Amino acid sequence: MEVQKANKRGRPSAAEQRQRRDAILDVAVGLFAESGFTGTTIESIAAGAGVAKRTVYTYFEDKEGMFHAAIERLHCYRENLADAADLEEVATRIVFAVHSDQAVALHRLVVAEALRFPQIAETFYGVGPGETITFLAEWFSKNGYDGGTRLRAELFFSLLLGEPHRRRLLGLAPAPTQKQARTHALTVLAELPWAA
């Protein structure tokens, strides 16, 4: 009788590691939104993701590191926009990202926890809106928009949020589709003579 060797798994591939990391982040964001920053534990995240606690610590130092990673992931669209020559595309991607369910859940969490955990508010602003505003100011200058100042970038970003984002935060509207995000971006651009 021939004995079959057990199929041993080696180390997960880079793609599998990314998938596992994203799955853990998805669970973390859901739990942050449901239970708040304090009420979410590494144990509950591990259980929700179906992994061991040590696996969570392999990817993230602590809850704050996980929160930071979740914010970075939401804004990864900036990496693919650096050389975009079309402000409509830049604006559409920003709207789609910051109005998404995960972005809104994290925004609500920060508003609720900012006084008790000012460091997560700093992380949220620095990694999210702050870096997006810096990106926009640099993009404007690089692409020849007159007066591509930080103030102009702040105003532009604020318009991309606008009342639709307030309605999202209040749970009065669903996340936009790509088409709806582009419509909102075009509405903002139509109001800005310098963007034409």
N, C-alpha and C. Protein backbone atom coordinates (compact mmCIF):
# COMPACT_ATOMS: atom_id res chain seq x y z
N MET A 1 0.85 -1.19 0.00
CA MET A 1 0.00 0.00 0.00
C MET A 1 0.89 1.25 0.00
N GLU A 2 0.60 2.16 -0.91
CA GLU A 2 1.42 3.36 -1.04
C GLU A 2 0.88 4.43 -0.09
N VAL A 3 1.78 5.02 0.69
CA VAL A 3 1.39 6.07 1.62
C VAL A 3 1.46 7.41 0.90
N GLN A 4 0.35 8.14 0.92
CA GLN A 4 0.36 9.46 0.28
C GLN A 4 0.92 10.49 1.23
N LYS A 5 1.78 11.32 0.68
CA LYS A 5 2.35 12.39 1.51
C LYS A 5 1.33 13.51 1.66
N ALA A 6 1.29 14.03 2.86
CA ALA A 6 0.39 15.15 3.12
C ALA A 6 0.85 16.35 2.30
N ASN A 7 -0.10 17.08 1.80
CA ASN A 7 0.22 18.28 1.03
C ASN A 7 0.58 19.40 1.99
N LYS A 8 1.83 19.72 2.08
CA LYS A 8 2.24 20.79 2.99
C LYS A 8 2.19 22.13 2.26
N ARG A 9 1.64 23.10 2.95
CA ARG A 9 1.60 24.45 2.37
C ARG A 9 2.86 25.17 2.75
N GLY A 10 3.43 25.83 1.80
CA GLY A 10 4.58 26.68 2.08
C GLY A 10 4.10 28.03 2.55
N ARG A 11 5.00 28.98 2.47
CA ARG A 11 4.63 30.35 2.84
C ARG A 11 3.61 30.89 1.84
N PRO A 12 2.66 31.69 2.32
CA PRO A 12 1.69 32.27 1.39
C PRO A 12 2.39 33.19 0.39
N SER A 13 1.87 33.24 -0.81
CA SER A 13 2.43 34.13 -1.83
C SER A 13 2.16 35.58 -1.44
N ALA A 14 2.82 36.50 -2.14
CA ALA A 14 2.62 37.93 -1.87
C ALA A 14 1.16 38.31 -2.09
N ALA A 15 0.54 37.74 -3.13
CA ALA A 15 -0.87 38.04 -3.41
C ALA A 15 -1.77 37.52 -2.29
N GLU A 16 -1.47 36.32 -1.79
CA GLU A 16 -2.26 35.76 -0.68
C GLU A 16 -2.08 36.59 0.59
N GLN A 17 -0.87 37.07 0.82
CA GLN A 17 -0.63 37.91 2.00
C GLN A 17 -1.41 39.21 1.89
N ARG A 18 -1.45 39.80 0.69
CA ARG A 18 -2.22 41.04 0.49
C ARG A 18 -3.70 40.78 0.72
N GLN A 19 -4.19 39.65 0.20
CA GLN A 19 -5.61 39.31 0.38
C GLN A 19 -5.94 39.13 1.87
N ARG A 20 -5.07 38.43 2.59
CA ARG A 20 -5.31 38.20 4.01
C ARG A 20 -5.28 39.53 4.77
N ARG A 21 -4.32 40.38 4.45
CA ARG A 21 -4.20 41.69 5.10
C ARG A 21 -5.47 42.51 4.84
N ASP A 22 -5.93 42.51 3.57
CA ASP A 22 -7.14 43.25 3.24
C ASP A 22 -8.36 42.69 3.96
N ALA A 23 -8.43 41.37 4.08
CA ALA A 23 -9.56 40.74 4.78
C ALA A 23 -9.58 41.15 6.25
N ILE A 24 -8.40 41.20 6.86
CA ILE A 24 -8.30 41.63 8.26
C ILE A 24 -8.72 43.09 8.38
N LEU A 25 -8.27 43.93 7.45
CA LEU A 25 -8.65 45.35 7.48
C LEU A 25 -10.15 45.52 7.30
N ASP A 26 -10.75 44.73 6.40
CA ASP A 26 -12.20 44.83 6.19
C ASP A 26 -12.95 44.53 7.48
N VAL A 27 -12.54 43.48 8.18
CA VAL A 27 -13.17 43.13 9.45
C VAL A 27 -12.96 44.25 10.47
N ALA A 28 -11.73 44.77 10.54
CA ALA A 28 -11.41 45.83 11.50
C ALA A 28 -12.28 47.06 11.27
N VAL A 29 -12.40 47.49 10.00
CA VAL A 29 -13.21 48.68 9.71
C VAL A 29 -14.67 48.44 10.11
N GLY A 30 -15.19 47.25 9.81
CA GLY A 30 -16.56 46.92 10.21
C GLY A 30 -16.76 46.97 11.71
N LEU A 31 -15.79 46.41 12.43
CA LEU A 31 -15.89 46.42 13.90
C LEU A 31 -15.68 47.82 14.48
N PHE A 32 -14.77 48.60 13.91
CA PHE A 32 -14.59 49.98 14.35
C PHE A 32 -15.91 50.74 14.20
N ALA A 33 -16.56 50.55 13.05
CA ALA A 33 -17.82 51.26 12.78
C ALA A 33 -18.92 50.81 13.74
N GLU A 34 -18.94 49.53 14.07
CA GLU A 34 -19.99 48.97 14.92
C GLU A 34 -19.74 49.20 16.41
N SER A 35 -18.49 49.03 16.85
CA SER A 35 -18.20 49.04 18.29
C SER A 35 -17.32 50.19 18.75
N GLY A 36 -16.89 51.04 17.82
CA GLY A 36 -15.99 52.13 18.19
C GLY A 36 -14.56 51.65 18.33
N PHE A 37 -13.66 52.60 18.52
CA PHE A 37 -12.24 52.26 18.61
C PHE A 37 -11.96 51.48 19.90
N THR A 38 -12.53 51.95 21.01
CA THR A 38 -12.31 51.28 22.30
C THR A 38 -12.94 49.91 22.34
N GLY A 39 -14.14 49.79 21.80
CA GLY A 39 -14.87 48.54 21.87
C GLY A 39 -14.37 47.46 20.93
N THR A 40 -13.45 47.80 20.06
CA THR A 40 -12.89 46.82 19.12
C THR A 40 -11.58 46.29 19.68
N THR A 41 -11.46 44.99 19.74
CA THR A 41 -10.23 44.38 20.25
C THR A 41 -9.53 43.61 19.14
N ILE A 42 -8.24 43.37 19.34
CA ILE A 42 -7.49 42.55 18.39
C ILE A 42 -8.10 41.15 18.35
N GLU A 43 -8.55 40.65 19.50
CA GLU A 43 -9.18 39.33 19.56
C GLU A 43 -10.42 39.27 18.67
N SER A 44 -11.26 40.32 18.75
CA SER A 44 -12.50 40.31 17.96
C SER A 44 -12.19 40.44 16.47
N ILE A 45 -11.15 41.18 16.14
CA ILE A 45 -10.74 41.31 14.73
C ILE A 45 -10.24 39.96 14.22
N ALA A 46 -9.39 39.31 15.01
CA ALA A 46 -8.87 38.00 14.61
C ALA A 46 -10.00 37.00 14.43
N ALA A 47 -10.93 36.98 15.37
CA ALA A 47 -12.06 36.05 15.29
C ALA A 47 -12.90 36.32 14.05
N GLY A 48 -13.18 37.58 13.80
CA GLY A 48 -13.99 37.95 12.64
C GLY A 48 -13.32 37.61 11.32
N ALA A 49 -11.99 37.70 11.30
CA ALA A 49 -11.24 37.40 10.07
C ALA A 49 -10.90 35.91 9.96
N GLY A 50 -11.17 35.16 11.03
CA GLY A 50 -10.88 33.73 11.01
C GLY A 50 -9.39 33.41 11.02
N VAL A 51 -8.64 34.26 11.75
CA VAL A 51 -7.19 34.05 11.85
C VAL A 51 -6.78 34.09 13.32
N ALA A 52 -5.57 33.66 13.58
CA ALA A 52 -5.04 33.73 14.95
C ALA A 52 -4.62 35.17 15.26
N LYS A 53 -4.62 35.48 16.55
CA LYS A 53 -4.19 36.82 16.98
C LYS A 53 -2.79 37.14 16.48
N ARG A 54 -1.92 36.14 16.52
CA ARG A 54 -0.53 36.38 16.09
C ARG A 54 -0.47 36.76 14.60
N THR A 55 -1.45 36.25 13.82
CA THR A 55 -1.50 36.61 12.40
C THR A 55 -1.81 38.10 12.25
N VAL A 56 -2.73 38.59 13.05
CA VAL A 56 -3.06 40.02 13.01
C VAL A 56 -1.80 40.83 13.34
N TYR A 57 -1.07 40.39 14.38
CA TYR A 57 0.14 41.12 14.77
C TYR A 57 1.25 40.99 13.74
N THR A 58 1.18 39.99 12.88
CA THR A 58 2.16 39.86 11.80
C THR A 58 2.03 41.03 10.83
N TYR A 59 0.79 41.46 10.63
CA TYR A 59 0.52 42.53 9.66
C TYR A 59 0.46 43.92 10.29
N PHE A 60 0.03 43.99 11.55
CA PHE A 60 -0.20 45.29 12.18
C PHE A 60 0.35 45.28 13.60
N GLU A 61 0.99 46.38 13.97
CA GLU A 61 1.58 46.47 15.31
C GLU A 61 0.52 46.52 16.40
N ASP A 62 -0.57 47.28 16.12
CA ASP A 62 -1.63 47.45 17.11
C ASP A 62 -2.87 48.00 16.41
N LYS A 63 -3.90 48.33 17.19
CA LYS A 63 -5.14 48.85 16.59
C LYS A 63 -4.88 50.16 15.86
N GLU A 64 -4.03 51.00 16.44
CA GLU A 64 -3.75 52.28 15.80
C GLU A 64 -3.07 52.08 14.45
N GLY A 65 -2.15 51.11 14.41
CA GLY A 65 -1.48 50.79 13.14
C GLY A 65 -2.47 50.26 12.12
N MET A 66 -3.45 49.50 12.59
CA MET A 66 -4.49 48.97 11.71
C MET A 66 -5.36 50.10 11.18
N PHE A 67 -5.71 51.04 12.04
CA PHE A 67 -6.51 52.19 11.63
C PHE A 67 -5.75 53.00 10.58
N HIS A 68 -4.45 53.23 10.82
CA HIS A 68 -3.60 53.96 9.88
C HIS A 68 -3.59 53.25 8.53
N ALA A 69 -3.43 51.94 8.55
CA ALA A 69 -3.40 51.15 7.30
C ALA A 69 -4.73 51.24 6.56
N ALA A 70 -5.84 51.24 7.31
CA ALA A 70 -7.16 51.34 6.67
C ALA A 70 -7.32 52.68 5.96
N ILE A 71 -6.85 53.75 6.59
CA ILE A 71 -6.94 55.08 5.97
C ILE A 71 -6.05 55.13 4.73
N GLU A 72 -4.82 54.60 4.84
CA GLU A 72 -3.92 54.58 3.69
C GLU A 72 -4.54 53.82 2.52
N ARG A 73 -5.14 52.69 2.83
CA ARG A 73 -5.74 51.86 1.78
C ARG A 73 -6.85 52.61 1.05
N LEU A 74 -7.66 53.37 1.79
CA LEU A 74 -8.74 54.13 1.16
C LEU A 74 -8.22 55.18 0.20
N HIS A 75 -7.03 55.67 0.46
CA HIS A 75 -6.48 56.76 -0.35
C HIS A 75 -5.40 56.28 -1.32
N CYS A 76 -5.33 54.98 -1.56
CA CYS A 76 -4.30 54.47 -2.46
C CYS A 76 -4.53 54.90 -3.90
N TYR A 77 -5.73 55.42 -4.22
CA TYR A 77 -6.00 55.92 -5.57
C TYR A 77 -5.01 57.01 -5.97
N ARG A 78 -4.42 57.71 -5.00
CA ARG A 78 -3.49 58.79 -5.32
C ARG A 78 -2.27 58.28 -6.08
N GLU A 79 -1.85 57.03 -5.78
CA GLU A 79 -0.68 56.47 -6.44
C GLU A 79 -0.86 56.40 -7.94
N ASN A 80 -2.06 56.12 -8.41
CA ASN A 80 -2.31 55.96 -9.84
C ASN A 80 -2.71 57.26 -10.53
N LEU A 81 -2.77 58.35 -9.78
CA LEU A 81 -3.22 59.62 -10.36
C LEU A 81 -2.12 60.63 -10.57
N ALA A 82 -0.93 60.35 -10.09
CA ALA A 82 0.15 61.35 -10.13
C ALA A 82 0.37 61.89 -11.53
N ASP A 83 0.28 61.03 -12.54
CA ASP A 83 0.55 61.48 -13.91
C ASP A 83 -0.72 61.69 -14.72
N ALA A 84 -1.87 61.65 -14.07
CA ALA A 84 -3.13 61.86 -14.80
C ALA A 84 -3.17 63.29 -15.33
N ALA A 85 -3.60 63.42 -16.56
CA ALA A 85 -3.66 64.75 -17.18
C ALA A 85 -5.07 65.31 -17.19
N ASP A 86 -5.98 64.62 -16.55
CA ASP A 86 -7.39 64.97 -16.62
C ASP A 86 -7.94 65.23 -15.23
N LEU A 87 -8.30 66.48 -14.95
CA LEU A 87 -8.80 66.84 -13.63
C LEU A 87 -10.14 66.16 -13.34
N GLU A 88 -10.91 65.88 -14.38
CA GLU A 88 -12.17 65.15 -14.19
C GLU A 88 -11.91 63.77 -13.58
N GLU A 89 -10.89 63.09 -14.07
CA GLU A 89 -10.56 61.76 -13.55
C GLU A 89 -10.07 61.85 -12.11
N VAL A 90 -9.23 62.84 -11.83
CA VAL A 90 -8.73 63.04 -10.47
C VAL A 90 -9.90 63.27 -9.52
N ALA A 91 -10.79 64.19 -9.90
CA ALA A 91 -11.94 64.53 -9.05
C ALA A 91 -12.88 63.34 -8.86
N THR A 92 -13.13 62.59 -9.93
CA THR A 92 -14.02 61.43 -9.84
C THR A 92 -13.48 60.39 -8.88
N ARG A 93 -12.19 60.11 -8.97
CA ARG A 93 -11.61 59.09 -8.09
C ARG A 93 -11.65 59.53 -6.64
N ILE A 94 -11.43 60.81 -6.39
CA ILE A 94 -11.49 61.32 -5.02
C ILE A 94 -12.92 61.17 -4.48
N VAL A 95 -13.91 61.60 -5.26
CA VAL A 95 -15.31 61.50 -4.82
C VAL A 95 -15.66 60.05 -4.53
N PHE A 96 -15.32 59.15 -5.45
CA PHE A 96 -15.68 57.74 -5.28
C PHE A 96 -15.05 57.17 -4.00
N ALA A 97 -13.81 57.55 -3.72
CA ALA A 97 -13.10 57.02 -2.53
C ALA A 97 -13.65 57.61 -1.23
N VAL A 98 -13.78 58.93 -1.15
CA VAL A 98 -14.14 59.54 0.14
C VAL A 98 -15.62 59.41 0.47
N HIS A 99 -16.45 59.07 -0.52
CA HIS A 99 -17.87 58.85 -0.28
C HIS A 99 -18.20 57.37 -0.12
N SER A 100 -17.18 56.50 -0.15
CA SER A 100 -17.40 55.06 -0.05
C SER A 100 -17.88 54.69 1.35
N ASP A 101 -18.45 53.49 1.46
CA ASP A 101 -18.95 53.03 2.76
C ASP A 101 -17.82 52.97 3.80
N GLN A 102 -16.65 52.45 3.42
CA GLN A 102 -15.56 52.34 4.40
C GLN A 102 -15.04 53.71 4.82
N ALA A 103 -14.91 54.63 3.85
CA ALA A 103 -14.43 55.97 4.19
C ALA A 103 -15.39 56.67 5.14
N VAL A 104 -16.67 56.54 4.87
CA VAL A 104 -17.69 57.17 5.71
C VAL A 104 -17.70 56.53 7.10
N ALA A 105 -17.57 55.22 7.17
CA ALA A 105 -17.54 54.54 8.47
C ALA A 105 -16.36 55.03 9.30
N LEU A 106 -15.20 55.16 8.68
CA LEU A 106 -14.01 55.63 9.41
C LEU A 106 -14.16 57.10 9.81
N HIS A 107 -14.76 57.90 8.94
CA HIS A 107 -14.98 59.31 9.25
C HIS A 107 -15.90 59.46 10.47
N ARG A 108 -16.98 58.67 10.49
CA ARG A 108 -17.88 58.70 11.65
C ARG A 108 -17.16 58.30 12.92
N LEU A 109 -16.35 57.27 12.82
CA LEU A 109 -15.58 56.80 13.98
C LEU A 109 -14.69 57.90 14.52
N VAL A 110 -13.99 58.59 13.63
CA VAL A 110 -13.07 59.65 14.06
C VAL A 110 -13.83 60.77 14.75
N VAL A 111 -14.95 61.18 14.19
CA VAL A 111 -15.75 62.24 14.81
C VAL A 111 -16.20 61.82 16.20
N ALA A 112 -16.62 60.57 16.34
CA ALA A 112 -17.11 60.08 17.63
C ALA A 112 -16.00 59.93 18.67
N GLU A 113 -14.79 59.59 18.22
CA GLU A 113 -13.70 59.25 19.16
C GLU A 113 -12.61 60.32 19.26
N ALA A 114 -12.70 61.40 18.50
CA ALA A 114 -11.59 62.36 18.41
C ALA A 114 -11.18 62.95 19.76
N LEU A 115 -12.13 63.25 20.62
CA LEU A 115 -11.76 63.86 21.89
C LEU A 115 -11.05 62.87 22.81
N ARG A 116 -11.47 61.61 22.79
CA ARG A 116 -10.82 60.60 23.64
C ARG A 116 -9.52 60.08 23.02
N PHE A 117 -9.46 60.07 21.69
CA PHE A 117 -8.29 59.54 21.00
C PHE A 117 -7.81 60.54 19.93
N PRO A 118 -7.23 61.66 20.38
CA PRO A 118 -6.82 62.68 19.39
C PRO A 118 -5.82 62.14 18.37
N GLN A 119 -5.07 61.09 18.76
CA GLN A 119 -4.08 60.55 17.82
C GLN A 119 -4.75 59.93 16.60
N ILE A 120 -5.95 59.34 16.75
CA ILE A 120 -6.58 58.77 15.56
C ILE A 120 -7.15 59.88 14.67
N ALA A 121 -7.54 61.00 15.29
CA ALA A 121 -7.99 62.14 14.49
C ALA A 121 -6.82 62.70 13.69
N GLU A 122 -5.65 62.79 14.33
CA GLU A 122 -4.46 63.28 13.63
C GLU A 122 -4.08 62.34 12.50
N THR A 123 -4.13 61.04 12.77
CA THR A 123 -3.81 60.05 11.73
C THR A 123 -4.79 60.17 10.56
N PHE A 124 -6.08 60.23 10.89
CA PHE A 124 -7.11 60.32 9.86
C PHE A 124 -6.88 61.54 8.97
N TYR A 125 -6.68 62.69 9.60
CA TYR A 125 -6.52 63.91 8.81
C TYR A 125 -5.20 63.89 8.03
N GLY A 126 -4.14 63.50 8.70
CA GLY A 126 -2.83 63.52 8.06
C GLY A 126 -2.72 62.59 6.87
N VAL A 127 -3.15 61.35 7.05
CA VAL A 127 -3.02 60.34 6.00
C VAL A 127 -4.11 60.49 4.95
N GLY A 128 -5.29 60.97 5.36
CA GLY A 128 -6.41 61.10 4.44
C GLY A 128 -6.49 62.49 3.81
N PRO A 129 -7.36 63.36 4.33
CA PRO A 129 -7.54 64.68 3.71
C PRO A 129 -6.24 65.49 3.56
N GLY A 130 -5.40 65.47 4.59
CA GLY A 130 -4.16 66.26 4.52
C GLY A 130 -3.29 65.89 3.33
N GLU A 131 -3.06 64.59 3.16
CA GLU A 131 -2.22 64.15 2.04
C GLU A 131 -2.92 64.34 0.70
N THR A 132 -4.24 64.21 0.68
CA THR A 132 -4.96 64.43 -0.58
C THR A 132 -4.87 65.90 -0.98
N ILE A 133 -4.98 66.80 -0.03
CA ILE A 133 -4.86 68.23 -0.32
C ILE A 133 -3.45 68.55 -0.82
N THR A 134 -2.43 67.98 -0.19
CA THR A 134 -1.06 68.17 -0.66
C THR A 134 -0.90 67.63 -2.08
N PHE A 135 -1.45 66.44 -2.32
CA PHE A 135 -1.40 65.84 -3.65
C PHE A 135 -2.05 66.78 -4.68
N LEU A 136 -3.24 67.32 -4.35
CA LEU A 136 -3.94 68.21 -5.28
C LEU A 136 -3.13 69.47 -5.57
N ALA A 137 -2.57 70.08 -4.53
CA ALA A 137 -1.78 71.30 -4.73
C ALA A 137 -0.61 71.02 -5.66
N GLU A 138 0.06 69.89 -5.46
CA GLU A 138 1.19 69.53 -6.33
C GLU A 138 0.71 69.22 -7.74
N TRP A 139 -0.43 68.53 -7.85
CA TRP A 139 -0.97 68.18 -9.16
C TRP A 139 -1.34 69.43 -9.93
N PHE A 140 -1.99 70.40 -9.25
CA PHE A 140 -2.35 71.66 -9.91
C PHE A 140 -1.11 72.36 -10.46
N SER A 141 -0.08 72.48 -9.63
CA SER A 141 1.15 73.16 -10.05
C SER A 141 1.79 72.44 -11.23
N LYS A 142 1.87 71.12 -11.14
CA LYS A 142 2.51 70.31 -12.19
C LYS A 142 1.77 70.40 -13.52
N ASN A 143 0.45 70.58 -13.45
CA ASN A 143 -0.36 70.58 -14.66
C ASN A 143 -0.76 71.98 -15.12
N GLY A 144 -0.06 73.00 -14.61
CA GLY A 144 -0.21 74.35 -15.13
C GLY A 144 -1.45 75.10 -14.73
N TYR A 145 -2.10 74.70 -13.64
CA TYR A 145 -3.25 75.45 -13.17
C TYR A 145 -2.74 76.66 -12.41
N ASP A 146 -3.12 77.83 -12.87
CA ASP A 146 -2.64 79.07 -12.28
C ASP A 146 -2.98 79.12 -10.79
N GLY A 147 -1.98 79.44 -9.99
CA GLY A 147 -2.20 79.59 -8.55
C GLY A 147 -2.53 78.28 -7.86
N GLY A 148 -1.82 77.21 -8.22
CA GLY A 148 -2.07 75.91 -7.61
C GLY A 148 -1.63 75.88 -6.16
N THR A 149 -2.27 76.70 -5.35
CA THR A 149 -1.88 76.83 -3.96
C THR A 149 -2.58 75.80 -3.09
N ARG A 150 -2.10 75.68 -1.87
CA ARG A 150 -2.73 74.77 -0.92
C ARG A 150 -4.16 75.21 -0.63
N LEU A 151 -4.40 76.51 -0.54
CA LEU A 151 -5.76 76.99 -0.28
C LEU A 151 -6.71 76.56 -1.39
N ARG A 152 -6.27 76.68 -2.64
CA ARG A 152 -7.12 76.26 -3.76
C ARG A 152 -7.41 74.76 -3.65
N ALA A 153 -6.38 73.99 -3.28
CA ALA A 153 -6.55 72.54 -3.13
C ALA A 153 -7.54 72.23 -2.00
N GLU A 154 -7.45 72.98 -0.91
CA GLU A 154 -8.39 72.77 0.21
C GLU A 154 -9.82 73.06 -0.21
N LEU A 155 -10.01 74.16 -0.93
CA LEU A 155 -11.35 74.54 -1.37
C LEU A 155 -11.91 73.50 -2.35
N PHE A 156 -11.06 73.05 -3.26
CA PHE A 156 -11.48 72.05 -4.25
C PHE A 156 -11.88 70.75 -3.55
N PHE A 157 -11.06 70.31 -2.61
CA PHE A 157 -11.36 69.07 -1.88
C PHE A 157 -12.67 69.23 -1.10
N SER A 158 -12.87 70.38 -0.48
CA SER A 158 -14.12 70.63 0.27
C SER A 158 -15.34 70.54 -0.64
N LEU A 159 -15.23 71.06 -1.85
CA LEU A 159 -16.35 70.98 -2.79
C LEU A 159 -16.61 69.55 -3.23
N LEU A 160 -15.56 68.75 -3.35
CA LEU A 160 -15.74 67.35 -3.74
C LEU A 160 -16.46 66.55 -2.64
N LEU A 161 -16.33 67.02 -1.40
CA LEU A 161 -17.11 66.42 -0.31
C LEU A 161 -18.52 66.99 -0.36
N GLY A 162 -18.65 68.26 -0.06
CA GLY A 162 -19.92 68.96 -0.18
C GLY A 162 -21.06 68.37 0.61
N GLU A 163 -22.24 68.79 0.27
CA GLU A 163 -23.46 68.30 0.93
C GLU A 163 -23.69 66.80 0.72
N PRO A 164 -23.33 66.26 -0.45
CA PRO A 164 -23.50 64.81 -0.60
C PRO A 164 -22.75 64.01 0.48
N HIS A 165 -21.57 64.50 0.86
CA HIS A 165 -20.79 63.79 1.88
C HIS A 165 -21.45 63.94 3.25
N ARG A 166 -22.01 65.10 3.54
CA ARG A 166 -22.72 65.28 4.80
C ARG A 166 -23.91 64.32 4.88
N ARG A 167 -24.64 64.18 3.76
CA ARG A 167 -25.77 63.24 3.73
C ARG A 167 -25.28 61.80 3.93
N ARG A 168 -24.11 61.48 3.38
CA ARG A 168 -23.52 60.15 3.59
C ARG A 168 -23.22 59.94 5.07
N LEU A 169 -22.61 60.91 5.71
CA LEU A 169 -22.25 60.79 7.13
C LEU A 169 -23.49 60.58 7.99
N LEU A 170 -24.58 61.20 7.60
CA LEU A 170 -25.83 61.11 8.37
C LEU A 170 -26.65 59.88 7.99
N GLY A 171 -26.16 59.10 7.07
CA GLY A 171 -26.88 57.89 6.66
C GLY A 171 -28.10 58.18 5.81
N LEU A 172 -28.10 59.34 5.15
CA LEU A 172 -29.27 59.74 4.36
C LEU A 172 -29.13 59.41 2.87
N ALA A 173 -27.96 58.90 2.48
CA ALA A 173 -27.74 58.58 1.07
C ALA A 173 -26.77 57.41 0.97
N PRO A 174 -26.93 56.60 -0.07
CA PRO A 174 -26.00 55.48 -0.26
C PRO A 174 -24.71 55.94 -0.90
N ALA A 175 -23.72 55.08 -0.91
CA ALA A 175 -22.45 55.39 -1.59
C ALA A 175 -22.73 55.56 -3.08
N PRO A 176 -22.03 56.50 -3.72
CA PRO A 176 -22.27 56.72 -5.15
C PRO A 176 -21.67 55.61 -6.00
N THR A 177 -22.28 55.40 -7.15
CA THR A 177 -21.68 54.54 -8.17
C THR A 177 -20.57 55.34 -8.84
N GLN A 178 -19.79 54.68 -9.69
CA GLN A 178 -18.75 55.41 -10.45
C GLN A 178 -19.40 56.53 -11.27
N LYS A 179 -20.53 56.22 -11.89
CA LYS A 179 -21.21 57.22 -12.72
C LYS A 179 -21.67 58.41 -11.88
N GLN A 180 -22.24 58.14 -10.71
CA GLN A 180 -22.68 59.23 -9.83
C GLN A 180 -21.50 60.04 -9.30
N ALA A 181 -20.39 59.37 -9.01
CA ALA A 181 -19.19 60.08 -8.56
C ALA A 181 -18.70 61.02 -9.65
N ARG A 182 -18.72 60.54 -10.90
CA ARG A 182 -18.28 61.40 -12.01
C ARG A 182 -19.23 62.59 -12.20
N THR A 183 -20.53 62.35 -12.04
CA THR A 183 -21.50 63.45 -12.16
C THR A 183 -21.24 64.52 -11.10
N HIS A 184 -20.99 64.08 -9.86
CA HIS A 184 -20.69 65.05 -8.79
C HIS A 184 -19.40 65.81 -9.11
N ALA A 185 -18.38 65.09 -9.58
CA ALA A 185 -17.10 65.73 -9.93
C ALA A 185 -17.32 66.77 -11.04
N LEU A 186 -18.10 66.42 -12.05
CA LEU A 186 -18.35 67.36 -13.15
C LEU A 186 -19.13 68.57 -12.68
N THR A 187 -20.06 68.37 -11.75
CA THR A 187 -20.82 69.49 -11.19
C THR A 187 -19.89 70.47 -10.49
N VAL A 188 -18.95 69.93 -9.70
CA VAL A 188 -17.97 70.78 -9.02
C VAL A 188 -17.11 71.51 -10.04
N LEU A 189 -16.59 70.79 -11.02
CA LEU A 189 -15.71 71.41 -12.02
C LEU A 189 -16.42 72.51 -12.80
N ALA A 190 -17.72 72.32 -13.05
CA ALA A 190 -18.49 73.33 -13.82
C ALA A 190 -18.59 74.65 -13.07
N GLU A 191 -18.45 74.62 -11.74
CA GLU A 191 -18.55 75.83 -10.93
C GLU A 191 -17.20 76.54 -10.76
N LEU A 192 -16.15 75.96 -11.32
CA LEU A 192 -14.80 76.52 -11.13
C LEU A 192 -14.22 76.99 -12.45
N PRO A 193 -14.26 78.29 -12.71
CA PRO A 193 -13.76 78.80 -14.01
C PRO A 193 -12.29 78.43 -14.26
N TRP A 194 -11.49 78.42 -13.22
CA TRP A 194 -10.06 78.11 -13.39
C TRP A 194 -9.81 76.66 -13.76
N ALA A 195 -10.78 75.77 -13.53
CA ALA A 195 -10.60 74.35 -13.80
C ALA A 195 -10.91 73.99 -15.25
N ALA A 196 -11.51 74.94 -15.98
CA ALA A 196 -11.91 74.65 -17.37
C ALA A 196 -10.70 74.52 -18.28
